[in-house]
Amino acid sequence: MENTKNATMGYVYALQAFLTWGILPIFWKLLSDVSALEILAHRIFWSFVFLIILLILTRQKNVWSLLRQKKTRKSLIISSLLIGLNWGLFIYAVNTKQIVEASLGYYINPIVNVILGMIVLNEKLDKLKYIAVFIASAAVIYLTIDYGKFPWISIILACSFGLYGLTKKTAGIEAIPSLAVETLILAPFALGYILYKMWIGSGALFTGSISTSIYLMLTGIVTSLPLYWFAKGALRIPLSALGFMQYIAPTLMLLIGVLIYNEPFRHEQFIAFGLIWIALTLYTTSIIRNTRKKIKAELKSNLQRQN
């Protein structure tokens, strides 16, 4: 009974995270009058403030120990730059009417993770994953040739987030404490930029509308809270379930871009997205197969021990 309740809460946490990430373009659109760089500075600074409060409330004391380890410190500096790039580019994409291209980046991300795992971690790929990588690569090439423009926003979003995940994985550090340190690393630069903008009289905080100032301060919550939910959910539900659920966010982004903000969805984009969806179906099928094999192997091993 306890395990079932635990798993149910895991799905609730994960769903909250992916739904929030999916509708974030609507929030960033509320700040479309503010430059992407200034929004990013506020996102970093207020995330740091919120995360410190969250860590105090949850009584996590291992944050400062992360900075004392030289190897971990290097990893966190790299990951902070990667997440800063990812956050800033996504805000830029939303506020320049490129939500559809941004959503493609998060569809591509699982395939990028597979490629990074193969190249950096020497992970072996099964036949389905090889085919998925080939089809996803073909989709990007097709989009570039037929559309006449390299989908650089999609690729940089996918690669920066993939490399961010890889850096965290190889360092073996927890999501929330490490994000607190990453925002701590970037916070002085972010705060410096915010104060500079206020000093020259072009800052949005407290000089524009009250709603804009409130939205800027809320950037920390909308950034950090979904990650907290995701971390809680990931501990409670199977990886294969998370694999399925991760497509909720880019699907919502795509629908929001096309249906709410009337972004064009051309035939070449439709074909490219179709290829990506086929690749993701193969990728997910591979994960489910491998998960089932592991479960069967564990059950067999347990039965042999009992006998």
Protein backbone atom coordinates (compact mmCIF):
# COMPACT_ATOMS: atom_id res chain seq x y z
CA MET A 1 0.00 0.00 0.00
CA GLU A 2 2.82 2.39 0.94
CA ASN A 3 4.68 1.62 -2.32
CA THR A 4 1.53 2.31 -4.37
CA LYS A 5 0.97 5.64 -2.60
CA ASN A 6 4.63 6.52 -3.10
CA ALA A 7 4.44 5.73 -6.83
CA THR A 8 1.18 7.71 -7.20
CA MET A 9 2.81 10.76 -5.61
CA GLY A 10 5.77 10.25 -7.94
CA TYR A 11 3.51 10.49 -10.99
CA VAL A 12 1.81 13.58 -9.53
CA TYR A 13 5.17 15.30 -8.95
CA ALA A 14 6.48 14.40 -12.42
CA LEU A 15 3.24 15.48 -14.12
CA GLN A 16 3.32 18.83 -12.29
CA ALA A 17 6.91 19.36 -13.47
CA PHE A 18 6.29 18.53 -17.14
CA LEU A 19 3.02 20.49 -17.32
CA THR A 20 4.72 23.56 -15.82
CA TRP A 21 7.65 23.30 -18.26
CA GLY A 22 5.17 22.90 -21.11
CA ILE A 23 3.20 26.08 -20.35
CA LEU A 24 6.24 28.22 -19.46
CA PRO A 25 6.16 29.99 -22.87
CA ILE A 26 2.92 31.68 -21.74
CA PHE A 27 4.71 33.04 -18.66
CA TRP A 28 7.73 34.31 -20.65
CA LYS A 29 5.36 36.02 -23.09
CA LEU A 30 4.12 38.15 -20.17
CA LEU A 31 7.64 39.62 -20.11
CA SER A 32 7.98 40.16 -23.86
CA ASP A 33 8.65 43.89 -23.32
CA VAL A 34 11.79 43.04 -21.30
CA SER A 35 15.01 41.99 -23.08
CA ALA A 36 15.92 38.29 -22.98
CA LEU A 37 19.23 39.08 -21.23
CA GLU A 38 17.53 41.03 -18.43
CA ILE A 39 14.91 38.28 -17.96
CA LEU A 40 17.75 35.73 -17.77
CA ALA A 41 19.53 37.80 -15.10
CA HIS A 42 16.36 37.88 -13.00
CA ARG A 43 15.73 34.18 -13.62
CA ILE A 44 19.18 33.32 -12.27
CA PHE A 45 19.10 35.68 -9.28
CA TRP A 46 15.56 34.88 -8.09
CA SER A 47 16.14 31.15 -8.65
CA PHE A 48 19.12 31.40 -6.32
CA VAL A 49 17.00 33.19 -3.68
CA PHE A 50 14.17 30.66 -3.96
CA LEU A 51 16.51 27.64 -3.88
CA ILE A 52 18.30 28.86 -0.75
CA ILE A 53 14.91 29.23 0.98
CA LEU A 54 13.90 25.75 -0.27
CA LEU A 55 17.14 24.19 0.99
CA ILE A 56 16.67 25.80 4.41
CA LEU A 57 13.06 24.55 4.62
CA THR A 58 14.05 21.01 3.56
CA ARG A 59 17.12 21.09 5.84
CA GLN A 60 19.65 20.12 3.18
CA LYS A 61 23.13 21.02 4.40
CA ASN A 62 25.34 19.43 1.75
CA VAL A 63 25.46 22.49 -0.55
CA TRP A 64 28.72 24.00 0.70
CA SER A 65 30.46 20.61 0.64
CA LEU A 66 29.95 20.59 -3.15
CA LEU A 67 32.11 23.70 -3.48
CA ARG A 68 34.91 22.23 -1.36
CA GLN A 69 35.55 19.37 -3.82
CA LYS A 70 37.77 20.53 -6.69
CA LYS A 71 36.41 18.08 -9.29
CA THR A 72 32.79 18.81 -8.35
CA ARG A 73 33.46 22.56 -8.37
CA LYS A 74 34.77 22.35 -11.96
CA SER A 75 31.72 20.35 -13.04
CA LEU A 76 29.38 22.88 -11.43
CA ILE A 77 31.07 25.82 -13.17
CA ILE A 78 30.63 24.07 -16.54
CA SER A 79 27.02 23.05 -15.79
CA SER A 80 26.16 26.58 -14.60
CA LEU A 81 27.32 28.01 -17.96
CA LEU A 82 25.36 25.36 -19.87
CA ILE A 83 22.12 25.91 -17.96
CA GLY A 84 22.53 29.69 -18.27
CA LEU A 85 22.88 29.31 -22.04
CA ASN A 86 19.84 27.01 -22.19
CA TRP A 87 17.63 29.29 -20.07
CA GLY A 88 18.61 32.43 -21.97
CA LEU A 89 18.15 30.91 -25.42
CA PHE A 90 14.73 29.51 -24.53
CA ILE A 91 13.55 32.93 -23.32
CA TYR A 92 14.94 34.48 -26.53
CA ALA A 93 13.14 31.86 -28.65
CA VAL A 94 9.79 32.45 -26.93
CA ASN A 95 9.96 36.23 -27.14
CA THR A 96 11.05 36.23 -30.82
CA LYS A 97 8.13 33.98 -31.87
CA GLN A 98 10.16 30.78 -32.25
CA ILE A 99 8.36 28.52 -29.74
CA VAL A 100 7.89 25.80 -32.40
CA GLU A 101 11.64 25.64 -33.04
CA ALA A 102 12.30 25.58 -29.28
CA SER A 103 9.89 22.66 -28.86
CA LEU A 104 11.79 20.75 -31.56
CA GLY A 105 14.93 21.17 -29.44
CA TYR A 106 13.33 19.40 -26.49
CA TYR A 107 12.02 16.64 -28.75
CA ILE A 108 15.57 16.13 -30.07
CA ASN A 109 17.11 16.17 -26.57
CA PRO A 110 16.60 12.43 -25.77
CA ILE A 111 18.37 11.53 -29.03
CA VAL A 112 21.24 13.90 -28.15
CA ASN A 113 21.48 12.15 -24.77
CA VAL A 114 21.83 8.80 -26.57
CA ILE A 115 24.64 10.17 -28.79
CA LEU A 116 26.47 11.70 -25.80
CA GLY A 117 26.13 8.45 -23.86
CA MET A 118 27.62 6.55 -26.78
CA ILE A 119 30.52 8.96 -27.39
CA VAL A 120 31.44 10.04 -23.85
CA LEU A 121 30.30 7.16 -21.62
CA ASN A 122 30.89 4.34 -24.14
CA GLU A 123 27.30 3.18 -23.74
CA LYS A 124 26.27 0.46 -26.16
CA LEU A 125 23.29 1.16 -28.39
CA ASP A 126 20.85 -1.47 -29.55
CA LYS A 127 19.53 -1.58 -33.12
CA LEU A 128 16.44 0.53 -32.35
CA LYS A 129 18.49 3.36 -30.84
CA TYR A 130 20.87 3.38 -33.82
CA ILE A 131 17.89 3.69 -36.17
CA ALA A 132 16.39 6.43 -33.94
CA VAL A 133 19.63 8.44 -34.08
CA PHE A 134 19.80 8.03 -37.88
CA ILE A 135 16.18 9.17 -38.38
CA ALA A 136 16.54 12.16 -36.02
CA SER A 137 19.73 13.23 -37.83
CA ALA A 138 17.92 12.89 -41.17
CA ALA A 139 15.12 15.12 -39.83
CA VAL A 140 17.55 17.90 -38.91
CA ILE A 141 19.35 17.64 -42.28
CA TYR A 142 16.02 17.67 -44.15
CA LEU A 143 14.81 20.71 -42.21
CA THR A 144 18.06 22.56 -42.93
CA ILE A 145 18.01 21.83 -46.68
CA ASP A 146 14.28 22.26 -47.35
CA TYR A 147 13.65 25.11 -44.92
CA GLY A 148 16.85 26.84 -46.02
CA LYS A 149 17.87 27.62 -42.45
CA PHE A 150 19.80 25.54 -39.93
CA PRO A 151 17.58 25.03 -36.83
CA TRP A 152 20.27 26.45 -34.55
CA ILE A 153 17.90 27.24 -31.67
CA SER A 154 16.67 23.61 -31.60
CA ILE A 155 20.18 22.18 -31.80
CA ILE A 156 21.73 24.48 -29.17
CA LEU A 157 18.81 23.92 -26.76
CA ALA A 158 19.08 20.14 -27.20
CA CYS A 159 22.89 20.04 -26.95
CA SER A 160 23.21 22.47 -24.03
CA PHE A 161 20.63 20.55 -21.99
CA GLY A 162 22.14 17.21 -23.01
CA LEU A 163 25.64 18.33 -21.98
CA TYR A 164 24.19 19.78 -18.77
CA GLY A 165 22.68 16.39 -17.90
CA LEU A 166 25.90 14.60 -18.81
CA THR A 167 27.97 16.92 -16.59
CA LYS A 168 25.65 16.28 -13.65
CA LYS A 169 25.62 12.53 -14.28
CA THR A 170 29.40 12.18 -14.43
CA ALA A 171 29.80 14.34 -11.30
CA GLY A 172 27.12 12.33 -9.46
CA ILE A 173 25.49 15.32 -7.79
CA GLU A 174 21.88 15.84 -6.66
CA ALA A 175 19.57 18.10 -8.68
CA ILE A 176 18.43 20.73 -6.16
CA PRO A 177 21.68 21.35 -4.17
CA SER A 178 23.69 21.46 -7.39
CA LEU A 179 21.27 23.91 -9.03
CA ALA A 180 21.58 26.11 -5.93
CA VAL A 181 25.36 26.16 -6.39
CA GLU A 182 25.03 26.77 -10.15
CA THR A 183 22.81 29.79 -9.55
CA LEU A 184 25.21 30.92 -6.79
CA ILE A 185 28.05 30.89 -9.35
CA LEU A 186 26.01 32.95 -11.82
CA ALA A 187 24.16 35.14 -9.28
CA PRO A 188 26.88 37.85 -8.83
CA PHE A 189 26.94 38.46 -12.60
CA ALA A 190 23.14 38.41 -12.78
CA LEU A 191 22.75 40.81 -9.84
CA GLY A 192 25.46 43.07 -11.27
CA TYR A 193 23.58 43.30 -14.57
CA ILE A 194 20.24 43.96 -12.81
CA LEU A 195 21.79 46.79 -10.74
CA TYR A 196 23.53 48.21 -13.82
CA LYS A 197 20.23 48.32 -15.74
CA MET A 198 18.57 50.06 -12.77
CA TRP A 199 21.47 52.53 -12.47
CA ILE A 200 21.25 53.62 -16.12
CA GLY A 201 17.48 53.90 -15.81
CA SER A 202 16.49 51.17 -18.27
CA GLY A 203 15.86 48.31 -15.85
CA ALA A 204 12.41 46.73 -15.76
CA LEU A 205 12.34 46.02 -12.01
CA PHE A 206 10.41 48.68 -10.01
CA THR A 207 10.54 51.13 -12.94
CA GLY A 208 7.92 49.57 -15.21
CA SER A 209 4.49 48.27 -14.28
CA ILE A 210 3.89 46.53 -10.93
CA SER A 211 2.89 43.34 -12.76
CA THR A 212 6.22 43.26 -14.65
CA SER A 213 8.17 43.55 -11.38
CA ILE A 214 6.10 40.74 -9.84
CA TYR A 215 6.60 38.50 -12.89
CA LEU A 216 10.36 39.11 -12.79
CA MET A 217 10.52 38.06 -9.14
CA LEU A 218 8.39 34.99 -9.90
CA THR A 219 10.94 33.77 -12.47
CA GLY A 220 12.80 32.02 -9.65
CA ILE A 221 9.76 30.02 -8.56
CA VAL A 222 8.65 29.00 -12.07
CA THR A 223 12.21 27.88 -12.80
CA SER A 224 13.08 26.01 -9.61
CA LEU A 225 9.79 24.53 -8.39
CA PRO A 226 9.28 22.25 -11.44
CA LEU A 227 12.83 20.95 -11.04
CA TYR A 228 12.12 20.19 -7.38
CA TRP A 229 8.96 18.31 -8.39
CA PHE A 230 10.88 16.44 -11.08
CA ALA A 231 13.59 15.39 -8.61
CA LYS A 232 10.91 14.12 -6.19
CA GLY A 233 9.08 12.27 -8.97
CA ALA A 234 12.21 10.68 -10.44
CA LEU A 235 12.93 8.96 -7.12
CA ARG A 236 9.49 7.32 -7.05
CA ILE A 237 8.64 6.15 -10.58
CA PRO A 238 10.40 3.98 -13.22
CA LEU A 239 12.78 5.58 -15.72
CA SER A 240 10.66 4.26 -18.61
CA ALA A 241 7.65 6.19 -17.24
CA LEU A 242 9.72 9.36 -17.04
CA GLY A 243 10.82 8.68 -20.63
CA PHE A 244 7.19 8.76 -21.78
CA MET A 245 6.26 11.79 -19.69
CA GLN A 246 9.16 13.94 -20.90
CA TYR A 247 7.32 14.45 -24.22
CA ILE A 248 4.47 16.28 -22.45
CA ALA A 249 6.46 19.54 -22.20
CA PRO A 250 7.57 19.94 -25.85
CA THR A 251 4.12 18.83 -27.07
CA LEU A 252 2.47 21.56 -24.99
CA MET A 253 5.06 24.08 -26.24
CA LEU A 254 4.32 23.11 -29.85
CA LEU A 255 0.55 23.42 -29.36
CA ILE A 256 0.93 26.76 -27.56
CA GLY A 257 3.17 28.13 -30.32
CA VAL A 258 0.83 27.09 -33.14
CA LEU A 259 -2.64 27.43 -31.57
CA ILE A 260 -2.23 30.35 -29.14
CA TYR A 261 0.51 32.49 -30.71
CA ASN A 262 -0.22 31.58 -34.36
CA GLU A 263 3.34 30.62 -35.22
CA PRO A 264 3.65 29.05 -38.68
CA PHE A 265 3.92 25.27 -38.92
CA ARG A 266 5.11 24.69 -42.49
CA HIS A 267 5.04 21.40 -44.37
CA GLU A 268 8.82 20.91 -44.00
CA GLN A 269 8.49 21.37 -40.22
CA PHE A 270 5.61 18.87 -40.18
CA ILE A 271 7.76 16.29 -42.01
CA ALA A 272 10.76 16.94 -39.72
CA PHE A 273 8.60 16.66 -36.59
CA GLY A 274 7.07 13.46 -38.00
CA LEU A 275 10.54 11.95 -38.40
CA ILE A 276 11.48 13.03 -34.86
CA TRP A 277 8.30 11.44 -33.47
CA ILE A 278 9.14 8.17 -35.27
CA ALA A 279 12.67 8.33 -33.81
CA LEU A 280 11.27 8.97 -30.32
CA THR A 281 8.84 6.04 -30.66
CA LEU A 282 11.78 3.74 -31.47
CA TYR A 283 13.82 5.24 -28.63
CA THR A 284 11.00 4.74 -26.10
CA THR A 285 10.36 1.18 -27.34
CA SER A 286 14.05 0.42 -26.79
CA ILE A 287 13.90 1.76 -23.21
CA ILE A 288 10.78 -0.32 -22.41
CA ARG A 289 12.38 -3.47 -23.84
CA ASN A 290 15.59 -2.97 -21.89
CA THR A 291 13.67 -2.21 -18.68
CA ARG A 292 11.64 -5.40 -19.06
CA LYS A 293 14.81 -7.42 -19.66
CA LYS A 294 16.36 -6.00 -16.49
CA ILE A 295 13.24 -6.77 -14.43
CA LYS A 296 13.14 -10.35 -15.77
CA ALA A 297 16.86 -10.81 -15.04
CA GLU A 298 16.42 -9.49 -11.48
CA LEU A 299 13.40 -11.76 -10.86
CA LYS A 300 15.31 -14.77 -12.20
CA SER A 301 18.30 -13.92 -10.02
CA ASN A 302 16.08 -13.56 -6.92
CA LEU A 303 14.37 -16.90 -7.60
CA GLN A 304 17.73 -18.64 -7.98
CA ARG A 305 18.89 -17.19 -4.65
CA GLN A 306 15.73 -18.38 -2.91
CA ASN A 307 16.18 -21.89 -4.32
